[in-house]
Amino acid sequence: MDTPSARLIAAAQAAPTTIDSDGRVLALRRLTALDKLRLFKAAGPALAQNHLWLGMATLAYSVAAIDDVPVPAPINEAQIEALVSRLGDAGINAIASALVPPDPIDMADHAGN
C-alpha cells in the first residue's frame, strides 16, 4: 500500500547513515529543493551568499537523527550554528565524507590502451 506514511518510512529506512569519530550514528537525508529553500531562508540573505558558511550549514542541515534521536531541521541562523556546534568537527567531517560522491573513475586509465 502506497500511503504517505509508508513513503516516509521507506525514505527514512533508505537514508544514509554514518558513524563519526566520536562513535555517534548520524542518519542523513538528501536535501530536496524545498529543504534547500528553507535552509536559505533560515540562513538569511547575507549568509545564504556566503558559500563557506552555507556549505557547512548544508552538511548540518542534512542530519535527520543522532543516535536514533530525531533532529529537527533548524529554522534560523542560531539553530544552524547550535547544530554545527553539537556536531563538531567529528560530525561535520563524517557527514561530508558520507555525502560527497567518490571521485569519478578516469576511463582512460582503465581502458587498457
PDB file of N, CA and C in Angstrom:
ATOM      1  N   MET A   1       0.846  -1.175   0.000  1.00  0.00           N
ATOM      2  CA  MET A   1       0.000   0.000   0.000  1.00  0.00           C
ATOM      3  C   MET A   1       0.890   1.236   0.000  1.00  0.00           C
ATOM      4  N   ASP A   2       0.600   2.192  -0.901  1.00  0.00           N
ATOM      5  CA  ASP A   2       1.428   3.381  -1.047  1.00  0.00           C
ATOM      6  C   ASP A   2       0.731   4.578  -0.399  1.00  0.00           C
ATOM      7  N   THR A   3       0.935   4.702   0.901  1.00  0.00           N
ATOM      8  CA  THR A   3       0.356   5.812   1.650  1.00  0.00           C
ATOM      9  C   THR A   3       1.466   6.810   1.964  1.00  0.00           C
ATOM     10  N   PRO A   4       1.114   8.035   2.339  1.00  0.00           N
ATOM     11  CA  PRO A   4       2.161   8.987   2.736  1.00  0.00           C
ATOM     12  C   PRO A   4       3.032   8.453   3.870  1.00  0.00           C
ATOM     13  N   SER A   5       2.427   7.771   4.830  1.00  0.00           N
ATOM     14  CA  SER A   5       3.200   7.216   5.942  1.00  0.00           C
ATOM     15  C   SER A   5       4.170   6.155   5.457  1.00  0.00           C
ATOM     16  N   ALA A   6       3.713   5.304   4.551  1.00  0.00           N
ATOM     17  CA  ALA A   6       4.579   4.255   4.016  1.00  0.00           C
ATOM     18  C   ALA A   6       5.757   4.858   3.259  1.00  0.00           C
ATOM     19  N   ARG A   7       5.492   5.942   2.507  1.00  0.00           N
ATOM     20  CA  ARG A   7       6.581   6.608   1.782  1.00  0.00           C
ATOM     21  C   ARG A   7       7.588   7.224   2.744  1.00  0.00           C
ATOM     22  N   LEU A   8       7.111   7.830   3.832  1.00  0.00           N
ATOM     23  CA  LEU A   8       8.022   8.416   4.821  1.00  0.00           C
ATOM     24  C   LEU A   8       8.878   7.347   5.487  1.00  0.00           C
ATOM     25  N   ILE A   9       8.263   6.246   5.839  1.00  0.00           N
ATOM     26  CA  ILE A   9       9.007   5.152   6.471  1.00  0.00           C
ATOM     27  C   ILE A   9      10.051   4.603   5.518  1.00  0.00           C
ATOM     28  N   ALA A  10       9.677   4.411   4.271  1.00  0.00           N
ATOM     29  CA  ALA A  10      10.628   3.906   3.276  1.00  0.00           C
ATOM     30  C   ALA A  10      11.778   4.880   3.072  1.00  0.00           C
ATOM     31  N   ALA A  11      11.479   6.168   3.038  1.00  0.00           N
ATOM     32  CA  ALA A  11      12.530   7.174   2.862  1.00  0.00           C
ATOM     33  C   ALA A  11      13.474   7.194   4.053  1.00  0.00           C
ATOM     34  N   ALA A  12      12.922   7.062   5.243  1.00  0.00           N
ATOM     35  CA  ALA A  12      13.761   7.056   6.448  1.00  0.00           C
ATOM     36  C   ALA A  12      14.670   5.835   6.472  1.00  0.00           C
ATOM     37  N   GLN A  13      14.139   4.706   6.044  1.00  0.00           N
ATOM     38  CA  GLN A  13      14.944   3.491   6.036  1.00  0.00           C
ATOM     39  C   GLN A  13      16.024   3.549   4.968  1.00  0.00           C
ATOM     40  N   ALA A  14      15.781   4.296   3.886  1.00  0.00           N
ATOM     41  CA  ALA A  14      16.753   4.411   2.807  1.00  0.00           C
ATOM     42  C   ALA A  14      17.790   5.498   3.072  1.00  0.00           C
ATOM     43  N   ALA A  15      17.598   6.289   4.109  1.00  0.00           N
ATOM     44  CA  ALA A  15      18.516   7.385   4.405  1.00  0.00           C
ATOM     45  C   ALA A  15      19.898   6.832   4.733  1.00  0.00           C
ATOM     46  N   PRO A  16      20.915   7.468   4.185  1.00  0.00           N
ATOM     47  CA  PRO A  16      22.269   7.019   4.509  1.00  0.00           C
ATOM     48  C   PRO A  16      22.600   7.311   5.971  1.00  0.00           C
ATOM     49  N   THR A  17      23.441   6.500   6.534  1.00  0.00           N
ATOM     50  CA  THR A  17      23.926   6.741   7.888  1.00  0.00           C
ATOM     51  C   THR A  17      25.440   6.711   7.862  1.00  0.00           C
ATOM     52  N   THR A  18      26.025   7.335   8.847  1.00  0.00           N
ATOM     53  CA  THR A  18      27.473   7.321   9.004  1.00  0.00           C
ATOM     54  C   THR A  18      27.766   7.348  10.494  1.00  0.00           C
ATOM     55  N   ILE A  19      28.947   6.943  10.848  1.00  0.00           N
ATOM     56  CA  ILE A  19      29.392   6.984  12.244  1.00  0.00           C
ATOM     57  C   ILE A  19      30.574   7.929  12.309  1.00  0.00           C
ATOM     58  N   ASP A  20      30.473   8.925  13.190  1.00  0.00           N
ATOM     59  CA  ASP A  20      31.576   9.880  13.296  1.00  0.00           C
ATOM     60  C   ASP A  20      32.660   9.332  14.221  1.00  0.00           C
ATOM     61  N   SER A  21      33.772  10.052  14.313  1.00  0.00           N
ATOM     62  CA  SER A  21      34.901   9.574  15.110  1.00  0.00           C
ATOM     63  C   SER A  21      34.608   9.567  16.607  1.00  0.00           C
ATOM     64  N   ASP A  22      33.502  10.204  17.028  1.00  0.00           N
ATOM     65  CA  ASP A  22      33.077  10.142  18.425  1.00  0.00           C
ATOM     66  C   ASP A  22      32.160   8.953  18.679  1.00  0.00           C
ATOM     67  N   GLY A  23      31.869   8.166  17.629  1.00  0.00           N
ATOM     68  CA  GLY A  23      31.032   6.981  17.767  1.00  0.00           C
ATOM     69  C   GLY A  23      29.549   7.232  17.630  1.00  0.00           C
ATOM     70  N   ARG A  24      29.166   8.448  17.285  1.00  0.00           N
ATOM     71  CA  ARG A  24      27.735   8.750  17.113  1.00  0.00           C
ATOM     72  C   ARG A  24      27.257   8.268  15.747  1.00  0.00           C
ATOM     73  N   VAL A  25      26.065   7.691  15.726  1.00  0.00           N
ATOM     74  CA  VAL A  25      25.451   7.280  14.465  1.00  0.00           C
ATOM     75  C   VAL A  25      24.609   8.449  13.964  1.00  0.00           C
ATOM     76  N   LEU A  26      24.948   8.931  12.778  1.00  0.00           N
ATOM     77  CA  LEU A  26      24.265  10.069  12.185  1.00  0.00           C
ATOM     78  C   LEU A  26      23.431   9.587  11.003  1.00  0.00           C
ATOM     79  N   ALA A  27      22.116   9.720  11.118  1.00  0.00           N
ATOM     80  CA  ALA A  27      21.228   9.420   9.998  1.00  0.00           C
ATOM     81  C   ALA A  27      21.105  10.689   9.175  1.00  0.00           C
ATOM     82  N   LEU A  28      21.262  10.550   7.881  1.00  0.00           N
ATOM     83  CA  LEU A  28      21.290  11.706   6.998  1.00  0.00           C
ATOM     84  C   LEU A  28      20.114  11.696   6.031  1.00  0.00           C
ATOM     85  N   ARG A  29      19.830  12.858   5.482  1.00  0.00           N
ATOM     86  CA  ARG A  29      18.812  12.955   4.445  1.00  0.00           C
ATOM     87  C   ARG A  29      19.411  13.733   3.272  1.00  0.00           C
ATOM     88  N   ARG A  30      19.035  13.339   2.083  1.00  0.00           N
ATOM     89  CA  ARG A  30      19.415  14.094   0.888  1.00  0.00           C
ATOM     90  C   ARG A  30      18.449  15.271   0.802  1.00  0.00           C
ATOM     91  N   LEU A  31      18.986  16.452   0.701  1.00  0.00           N
ATOM     92  CA  LEU A  31      18.133  17.639   0.709  1.00  0.00           C
ATOM     93  C   LEU A  31      17.366  17.776  -0.601  1.00  0.00           C
ATOM     94  N   THR A  32      16.090  18.046  -0.470  1.00  0.00           N
ATOM     95  CA  THR A  32      15.242  18.321  -1.628  1.00  0.00           C
ATOM     96  C   THR A  32      15.343  19.805  -1.965  1.00  0.00           C
ATOM     97  N   ALA A  33      14.728  20.185  -3.054  1.00  0.00           N
ATOM     98  CA  ALA A  33      14.705  21.603  -3.428  1.00  0.00           C
ATOM     99  C   ALA A  33      14.033  22.431  -2.333  1.00  0.00           C
ATOM    100  N   LEU A  34      12.961  21.906  -1.755  1.00  0.00           N
ATOM    101  CA  LEU A  34      12.268  22.631  -0.686  1.00  0.00           C
ATOM    102  C   LEU A  34      13.153  22.749   0.554  1.00  0.00           C
ATOM    103  N   ASP A  35      13.886  21.688   0.888  1.00  0.00           N
ATOM    104  CA  ASP A  35      14.816  21.743   2.020  1.00  0.00           C
ATOM    105  C   ASP A  35      15.846  22.852   1.807  1.00  0.00           C
ATOM    106  N   LYS A  36      16.394  22.929   0.592  1.00  0.00           N
ATOM    107  CA  LYS A  36      17.396  23.951   0.292  1.00  0.00           C
ATOM    108  C   LYS A  36      16.797  25.350   0.399  1.00  0.00           C
ATOM    109  N   LEU A  37      15.584  25.504  -0.094  1.00  0.00           N
ATOM    110  CA  LEU A  37      14.917  26.800   0.003  1.00  0.00           C
ATOM    111  C   LEU A  37      14.740  27.199   1.466  1.00  0.00           C
ATOM    112  N   ARG A  38      14.342  26.242   2.301  1.00  0.00           N
ATOM    113  CA  ARG A  38      14.163  26.519   3.732  1.00  0.00           C
ATOM    114  C   ARG A  38      15.501  26.830   4.406  1.00  0.00           C
ATOM    115  N   LEU A  39      16.560  26.165   3.967  1.00  0.00           N
ATOM    116  CA  LEU A  39      17.885  26.457   4.513  1.00  0.00           C
ATOM    117  C   LEU A  39      18.294  27.886   4.169  1.00  0.00           C
ATOM    118  N   PHE A  40      18.067  28.303   2.920  1.00  0.00           N
ATOM    119  CA  PHE A  40      18.403  29.676   2.531  1.00  0.00           C
ATOM    120  C   PHE A  40      17.616  30.678   3.371  1.00  0.00           C
ATOM    121  N   LYS A  41      16.353  30.387   3.621  1.00  0.00           N
ATOM    122  CA  LYS A  41      15.525  31.272   4.439  1.00  0.00           C
ATOM    123  C   LYS A  41      16.059  31.340   5.865  1.00  0.00           C
ATOM    124  N   ALA A  42      16.433  30.181   6.416  1.00  0.00           N
ATOM    125  CA  ALA A  42      16.969  30.143   7.778  1.00  0.00           C
ATOM    126  C   ALA A  42      18.289  30.895   7.875  1.00  0.00           C
ATOM    127  N   ALA A  43      19.099  30.802   6.838  1.00  0.00           N
ATOM    128  CA  ALA A  43      20.408  31.462   6.852  1.00  0.00           C
ATOM    129  C   ALA A  43      20.278  32.979   6.737  1.00  0.00           C
ATOM    130  N   GLY A  44      19.262  33.433   6.039  1.00  0.00           N
ATOM    131  CA  GLY A  44      19.116  34.860   5.808  1.00  0.00           C
ATOM    132  C   GLY A  44      19.854  35.271   4.552  1.00  0.00           C
ATOM    133  N   PRO A  45      19.573  36.452   4.038  1.00  0.00           N
ATOM    134  CA  PRO A  45      20.119  36.860   2.736  1.00  0.00           C
ATOM    135  C   PRO A  45      21.640  36.980   2.699  1.00  0.00           C
ATOM    136  N   ALA A  46      22.248  37.468   3.746  1.00  0.00           N
ATOM    137  CA  ALA A  46      23.706  37.650   3.725  1.00  0.00           C
ATOM    138  C   ALA A  46      24.428  36.307   3.795  1.00  0.00           C
ATOM    139  N   LEU A  47      24.042  35.458   4.738  1.00  0.00           N
ATOM    140  CA  LEU A  47      24.730  34.180   4.896  1.00  0.00           C
ATOM    141  C   LEU A  47      24.419  33.201   3.767  1.00  0.00           C
ATOM    142  N   ALA A  48      23.270  33.333   3.130  1.00  0.00           N
ATOM    143  CA  ALA A  48      22.931  32.461   2.002  1.00  0.00           C
ATOM    144  C   ALA A  48      23.880  32.699   0.824  1.00  0.00           C
ATOM    145  N   GLN A  49      24.566  33.857   0.819  1.00  0.00           N
ATOM    146  CA  GLN A  49      25.535  34.151  -0.236  1.00  0.00           C
ATOM    147  C   GLN A  49      26.977  33.849   0.181  1.00  0.00           C
ATOM    148  N   ASN A  50      27.166  33.460   1.433  1.00  0.00           N
ATOM    149  CA  ASN A  50      28.489  33.110   1.938  1.00  0.00           C
ATOM    150  C   ASN A  50      28.671  31.607   1.723  1.00  0.00           C
ATOM    151  N   HIS A  51      29.378  31.233   0.667  1.00  0.00           N
ATOM    152  CA  HIS A  51      29.467  29.832   0.253  1.00  0.00           C
ATOM    153  C   HIS A  51      30.128  28.935   1.294  1.00  0.00           C
ATOM    154  N   LEU A  52      31.123  29.444   1.986  1.00  0.00           N
ATOM    155  CA  LEU A  52      31.780  28.618   3.002  1.00  0.00           C
ATOM    156  C   LEU A  52      30.844  28.341   4.172  1.00  0.00           C
ATOM    157  N   TRP A  53      30.174  29.374   4.653  1.00  0.00           N
ATOM    158  CA  TRP A  53      29.224  29.205   5.758  1.00  0.00           C
ATOM    159  C   TRP A  53      28.084  28.296   5.334  1.00  0.00           C
ATOM    160  N   LEU A  54      27.547  28.543   4.138  1.00  0.00           N
ATOM    161  CA  LEU A  54      26.411  27.770   3.652  1.00  0.00           C
ATOM    162  C   LEU A  54      26.781  26.300   3.431  1.00  0.00           C
ATOM    163  N   GLY A  55      28.015  26.042   3.030  1.00  0.00           N
ATOM    164  CA  GLY A  55      28.451  24.654   2.846  1.00  0.00           C
ATOM    165  C   GLY A  55      28.410  23.877   4.148  1.00  0.00           C
ATOM    166  N   MET A  56      28.919  24.474   5.206  1.00  0.00           N
ATOM    167  CA  MET A  56      28.897  23.798   6.496  1.00  0.00           C
ATOM    168  C   MET A  56      27.465  23.694   7.018  1.00  0.00           C
ATOM    169  N   ALA A  57      26.674  24.742   6.809  1.00  0.00           N
ATOM    170  CA  ALA A  57      25.273  24.713   7.234  1.00  0.00           C
ATOM    171  C   ALA A  57      24.507  23.615   6.506  1.00  0.00           C
ATOM    172  N   THR A  58      24.806  23.419   5.239  1.00  0.00           N
ATOM    173  CA  THR A  58      24.140  22.375   4.454  1.00  0.00           C
ATOM    174  C   THR A  58      24.460  20.993   5.013  1.00  0.00           C
ATOM    175  N   LEU A  59      25.696  20.778   5.399  1.00  0.00           N
ATOM    176  CA  LEU A  59      26.063  19.493   5.996  1.00  0.00           C
ATOM    177  C   LEU A  59      25.272  19.263   7.279  1.00  0.00           C
ATOM    178  N   ALA A  60      25.215  20.264   8.129  1.00  0.00           N
ATOM    179  CA  ALA A  60      24.473  20.129   9.388  1.00  0.00           C
ATOM    180  C   ALA A  60      22.985  19.931   9.120  1.00  0.00           C
ATOM    181  N   TYR A  61      22.446  20.664   8.160  1.00  0.00           N
ATOM    182  CA  TYR A  61      21.022  20.587   7.833  1.00  0.00           C
ATOM    183  C   TYR A  61      20.648  19.196   7.316  1.00  0.00           C
ATOM    184  N   SER A  62      21.632  18.452   6.837  1.00  0.00           N
ATOM    185  CA  SER A  62      21.401  17.116   6.295  1.00  0.00           C
ATOM    186  C   SER A  62      21.208  16.050   7.364  1.00  0.00           C
ATOM    187  N   VAL A  63      21.406  16.394   8.619  1.00  0.00           N
ATOM    188  CA  VAL A  63      21.277  15.414   9.700  1.00  0.00           C
ATOM    189  C   VAL A  63      19.807  15.229  10.060  1.00  0.00           C
ATOM    190  N   ALA A  64      19.357  13.993   9.997  1.00  0.00           N
ATOM    191  CA  ALA A  64      17.970  13.667  10.354  1.00  0.00           C
ATOM    192  C   ALA A  64      17.872  13.146  11.779  1.00  0.00           C
ATOM    193  N   ALA A  65      18.944  12.480  12.261  1.00  0.00           N
ATOM    194  CA  ALA A  65      18.927  11.927  13.618  1.00  0.00           C
ATOM    195  C   ALA A  65      20.356  11.697  14.081  1.00  0.00           C
ATOM    196  N   ILE A  66      20.547  11.798  15.381  1.00  0.00           N
ATOM    197  CA  ILE A  66      21.821  11.468  16.013  1.00  0.00           C
ATOM    198  C   ILE A  66      21.533  10.372  17.025  1.00  0.00           C
ATOM    199  N   ASP A  67      22.179   9.227  16.848  1.00  0.00           N
ATOM    200  CA  ASP A  67      21.941   8.063  17.718  1.00  0.00           C
ATOM    201  C   ASP A  67      20.443   7.762  17.846  1.00  0.00           C
ATOM    202  N   ASP A  68      19.754   7.744  16.714  1.00  0.00           N
ATOM    203  CA  ASP A  68      18.322   7.423  16.619  1.00  0.00           C
ATOM    204  C   ASP A  68      17.400   8.458  17.265  1.00  0.00           C
ATOM    205  N   VAL A  69      17.928   9.597  17.667  1.00  0.00           N
ATOM    206  CA  VAL A  69      17.104  10.677  18.211  1.00  0.00           C
ATOM    207  C   VAL A  69      16.898  11.689  17.083  1.00  0.00           C
ATOM    208  N   PRO A  70      15.642  11.903  16.651  1.00  0.00           N
ATOM    209  CA  PRO A  70      15.403  12.831  15.538  1.00  0.00           C
ATOM    210  C   PRO A  70      15.951  14.229  15.816  1.00  0.00           C
ATOM    211  N   VAL A  71      16.479  14.831  14.767  1.00  0.00           N
ATOM    212  CA  VAL A  71      16.994  16.201  14.834  1.00  0.00           C
ATOM    213  C   VAL A  71      16.097  17.062  13.943  1.00  0.00           C
ATOM    214  N   PRO A  72      15.350  17.987  14.526  1.00  0.00           N
ATOM    215  CA  PRO A  72      14.510  18.849  13.693  1.00  0.00           C
ATOM    216  C   PRO A  72      15.370  19.773  12.836  1.00  0.00           C
ATOM    217  N   ALA A  73      14.870  20.084  11.653  1.00  0.00           N
ATOM    218  CA  ALA A  73      15.599  20.990  10.767  1.00  0.00           C
ATOM    219  C   ALA A  73      15.648  22.374  11.405  1.00  0.00           C
ATOM    220  N   PRO A  74      16.830  22.993  11.445  1.00  0.00           N
ATOM    221  CA  PRO A  74      16.937  24.329  12.016  1.00  0.00           C
ATOM    222  C   PRO A  74      16.141  25.342  11.189  1.00  0.00           C
ATOM    223  N   ILE A  75      15.610  26.366  11.869  1.00  0.00           N
ATOM    224  CA  ILE A  75      14.795  27.350  11.160  1.00  0.00           C
ATOM    225  C   ILE A  75      15.371  28.762  11.217  1.00  0.00           C
ATOM    226  N   ASN A  76      16.540  28.910  11.840  1.00  0.00           N
ATOM    227  CA  ASN A  76      17.180  30.227  11.851  1.00  0.00           C
ATOM    228  C   ASN A  76      18.683  30.059  12.037  1.00  0.00           C
ATOM    229  N   GLU A  77      19.393  31.161  11.906  1.00  0.00           N
ATOM    230  CA  GLU A  77      20.853  31.131  11.991  1.00  0.00           C
ATOM    231  C   GLU A  77      21.342  30.553  13.316  1.00  0.00           C
ATOM    232  N   ALA A  78      20.732  30.950  14.418  1.00  0.00           N
ATOM    233  CA  ALA A  78      21.160  30.465  15.735  1.00  0.00           C
ATOM    234  C   ALA A  78      21.007  28.945  15.847  1.00  0.00           C
ATOM    235  N   GLN A  79      19.922  28.406  15.309  1.00  0.00           N
ATOM    236  CA  GLN A  79      19.716  26.959  15.372  1.00  0.00           C
ATOM    237  C   GLN A  79      20.701  26.220  14.473  1.00  0.00           C
ATOM    238  N   ILE A  80      21.018  26.799  13.330  1.00  0.00           N
ATOM    239  CA  ILE A  80      22.020  26.187  12.447  1.00  0.00           C
ATOM    240  C   ILE A  80      23.361  26.133  13.172  1.00  0.00           C
ATOM    241  N   GLU A  81      23.749  27.258  13.783  1.00  0.00           N
ATOM    242  CA  GLU A  81      25.031  27.304  14.485  1.00  0.00           C
ATOM    243  C   GLU A  81      25.042  26.367  15.688  1.00  0.00           C
ATOM    244  N   ALA A  82      23.920  26.238  16.372  1.00  0.00           N
ATOM    245  CA  ALA A  82      23.845  25.304  17.504  1.00  0.00           C
ATOM    246  C   ALA A  82      24.022  23.867  17.030  1.00  0.00           C
ATOM    247  N   LEU A  83      23.447  23.524  15.890  1.00  0.00           N
ATOM    248  CA  LEU A  83      23.597  22.164  15.364  1.00  0.00           C
ATOM    249  C   LEU A  83      25.024  21.907  14.906  1.00  0.00           C
ATOM    250  N   VAL A  84      25.635  22.889  14.256  1.00  0.00           N
ATOM    251  CA  VAL A  84      27.041  22.744  13.851  1.00  0.00           C
ATOM    252  C   VAL A  84      27.904  22.547  15.092  1.00  0.00           C
ATOM    253  N   SER A  85      27.639  23.307  16.139  1.00  0.00           N
ATOM    254  CA  SER A  85      28.388  23.166  17.384  1.00  0.00           C
ATOM    255  C   SER A  85      28.186  21.777  17.990  1.00  0.00           C
ATOM    256  N   ARG A  86      26.955  21.308  17.988  1.00  0.00           N
ATOM    257  CA  ARG A  86      26.646  19.978  18.539  1.00  0.00           C
ATOM    258  C   ARG A  86      27.365  18.888  17.760  1.00  0.00           C
ATOM    259  N   LEU A  87      27.410  19.017  16.444  1.00  0.00           N
ATOM    260  CA  LEU A  87      28.064  18.004  15.611  1.00  0.00           C
ATOM    261  C   LEU A  87      29.583  18.066  15.758  1.00  0.00           C
ATOM    262  N   GLY A  88      30.113  19.270  15.865  1.00  0.00           N
ATOM    263  CA  GLY A  88      31.557  19.442  15.975  1.00  0.00           C
ATOM    264  C   GLY A  88      32.272  18.976  14.728  1.00  0.00           C
ATOM    265  N   ASP A  89      33.589  19.007  14.796  1.00  0.00           N
ATOM    266  CA  ASP A  89      34.395  18.575  13.652  1.00  0.00           C
ATOM    267  C   ASP A  89      34.144  17.116  13.309  1.00  0.00           C
ATOM    268  N   ALA A  90      33.989  16.275  14.342  1.00  0.00           N
ATOM    269  CA  ALA A  90      33.784  14.844  14.105  1.00  0.00           C
ATOM    270  C   ALA A  90      32.531  14.598  13.274  1.00  0.00           C
ATOM    271  N   GLY A  91      31.440  15.240  13.639  1.00  0.00           N
ATOM    272  CA  GLY A  91      30.192  15.048  12.913  1.00  0.00           C
ATOM    273  C   GLY A  91      30.220  15.643  11.526  1.00  0.00           C
ATOM    274  N   ILE A  92      30.708  16.866  11.411  1.00  0.00           N
ATOM    275  CA  ILE A  92      30.756  17.546  10.110  1.00  0.00           C
ATOM    276  C   ILE A  92      31.634  16.766   9.135  1.00  0.00           C
ATOM    277  N   ASN A  93      32.781  16.297   9.587  1.00  0.00           N
ATOM    278  CA  ASN A  93      33.672  15.534   8.708  1.00  0.00           C
ATOM    279  C   ASN A  93      33.027  14.222   8.260  1.00  0.00           C
ATOM    280  N   ALA A  94      32.338  13.552   9.173  1.00  0.00           N
ATOM    281  CA  ALA A  94      31.679  12.284   8.828  1.00  0.00           C
ATOM    282  C   ALA A  94      30.560  12.513   7.814  1.00  0.00           C
ATOM    283  N   ILE A  95      29.799  13.588   7.999  1.00  0.00           N
ATOM    284  CA  ILE A  95      28.711  13.903   7.073  1.00  0.00           C
ATOM    285  C   ILE A  95      29.276  14.216   5.696  1.00  0.00           C
ATOM    286  N   ALA A  96      30.315  15.033   5.661  1.00  0.00           N
ATOM    287  CA  ALA A  96      30.929  15.396   4.380  1.00  0.00           C
ATOM    288  C   ALA A  96      31.421  14.150   3.652  1.00  0.00           C
ATOM    289  N   SER A  97      32.051  13.244   4.368  1.00  0.00           N
ATOM    290  CA  SER A  97      32.552  12.013   3.745  1.00  0.00           C
ATOM    291  C   SER A  97      31.418  11.144   3.231  1.00  0.00           C
ATOM    292  N   ALA A  98      30.311  11.124   3.958  1.00  0.00           N
ATOM    293  CA  ALA A  98      29.182  10.279   3.569  1.00  0.00           C
ATOM    294  C   ALA A  98      28.406  10.847   2.386  1.00  0.00           C
ATOM    295  N   LEU A  99      28.335  12.166   2.273  1.00  0.00           N
ATOM    296  CA  LEU A  99      27.506  12.777   1.231  1.00  0.00           C
ATOM    297  C   LEU A  99      28.255  13.144  -0.038  1.00  0.00           C
ATOM    298  N   VAL A 100      29.556  13.297   0.038  1.00  0.00           N
ATOM    299  CA  VAL A 100      30.333  13.663  -1.145  1.00  0.00           C
ATOM    300  C   VAL A 100      30.529  12.412  -1.987  1.00  0.00           C
ATOM    301  N   PRO A 101      30.153  12.475  -3.265  1.00  0.00           N
ATOM    302  CA  PRO A 101      30.331  11.293  -4.109  1.00  0.00           C
ATOM    303  C   PRO A 101      31.813  10.988  -4.302  1.00  0.00           C
ATOM    304  N   PRO A 102      32.135   9.722  -4.490  1.00  0.00           N
ATOM    305  CA  PRO A 102      33.542   9.380  -4.712  1.00  0.00           C
ATOM    306  C   PRO A 102      34.043  10.000  -6.013  1.00  0.00           C
ATOM    307  N   ASP A 103      35.367  10.120  -6.126  1.00  0.00           N
ATOM    308  CA  ASP A 103      35.954  10.669  -7.343  1.00  0.00           C
ATOM    309  C   ASP A 103      35.569   9.797  -8.532  1.00  0.00           C
ATOM    310  N   PRO A 104      35.257  10.438  -9.668  1.00  0.00           N
ATOM    311  CA  PRO A 104      34.909   9.644 -10.847  1.00  0.00           C
ATOM    312  C   PRO A 104      36.118   8.854 -11.339  1.00  0.00           C
ATOM    313  N   ILE A 105      35.850   7.725 -11.902  1.00  0.00           N
ATOM    314  CA  ILE A 105      36.922   6.881 -12.439  1.00  0.00           C
ATOM    315  C   ILE A 105      37.336   7.443 -13.790  1.00  0.00           C
ATOM    316  N   ASP A 106      38.632   7.604 -13.961  1.00  0.00           N
ATOM    317  CA  ASP A 106      39.142   8.067 -15.246  1.00  0.00           C
ATOM    318  C   ASP A 106      39.196   6.854 -16.168  1.00  0.00           C
ATOM    319  N   MET A 107      38.275   6.800 -17.126  1.00  0.00           N
ATOM    320  CA  MET A 107      38.155   5.638 -18.001  1.00  0.00           C
ATOM    321  C   MET A 107      39.410   5.415 -18.844  1.00  0.00           C
ATOM    322  N   ALA A 108      40.151   6.477 -19.148  1.00  0.00           N
ATOM    323  CA  ALA A 108      41.374   6.318 -19.952  1.00  0.00           C
ATOM    324  C   ALA A 108      42.389   5.479 -19.200  1.00  0.00           C
ATOM    325  N   ASP A 109      42.415   5.578 -17.871  1.00  0.00           N
ATOM    326  CA  ASP A 109      43.368   4.791 -17.092  1.00  0.00           C
ATOM    327  C   ASP A 109      42.995   3.318 -17.075  1.00  0.00           C
ATOM    328  N   HIS A 110      41.731   2.998 -17.329  1.00  0.00           N
ATOM    329  CA  HIS A 110      41.256   1.622 -17.222  1.00  0.00           C
ATOM    330  C   HIS A 110      40.889   1.024 -18.590  1.00  0.00           C
ATOM    331  N   ALA A 111      41.182   1.722 -19.660  1.00  0.00           N
ATOM    332  CA  ALA A 111      40.780   1.269 -20.984  1.00  0.00           C
ATOM    333  C   ALA A 111      41.687   0.176 -21.528  1.00  0.00           C
ATOM    334  N   GLY A 112      42.896   0.068 -20.989  1.00  0.00           N
ATOM    335  CA  GLY A 112      43.823  -0.964 -21.461  1.00  0.00           C
ATOM    336  C   GLY A 112      44.471  -0.626 -22.780  1.00  0.00           C
ATOM    337  N   ASN A 113      44.386   0.610 -23.187  1.00  0.00           N
ATOM    338  CA  ASN A 113      45.022   1.023 -24.445  1.00  0.00           C
ATOM    339  C   ASN A 113      46.382   1.586 -24.198  1.00  0.00           C
TER     340      ASN A 113
END
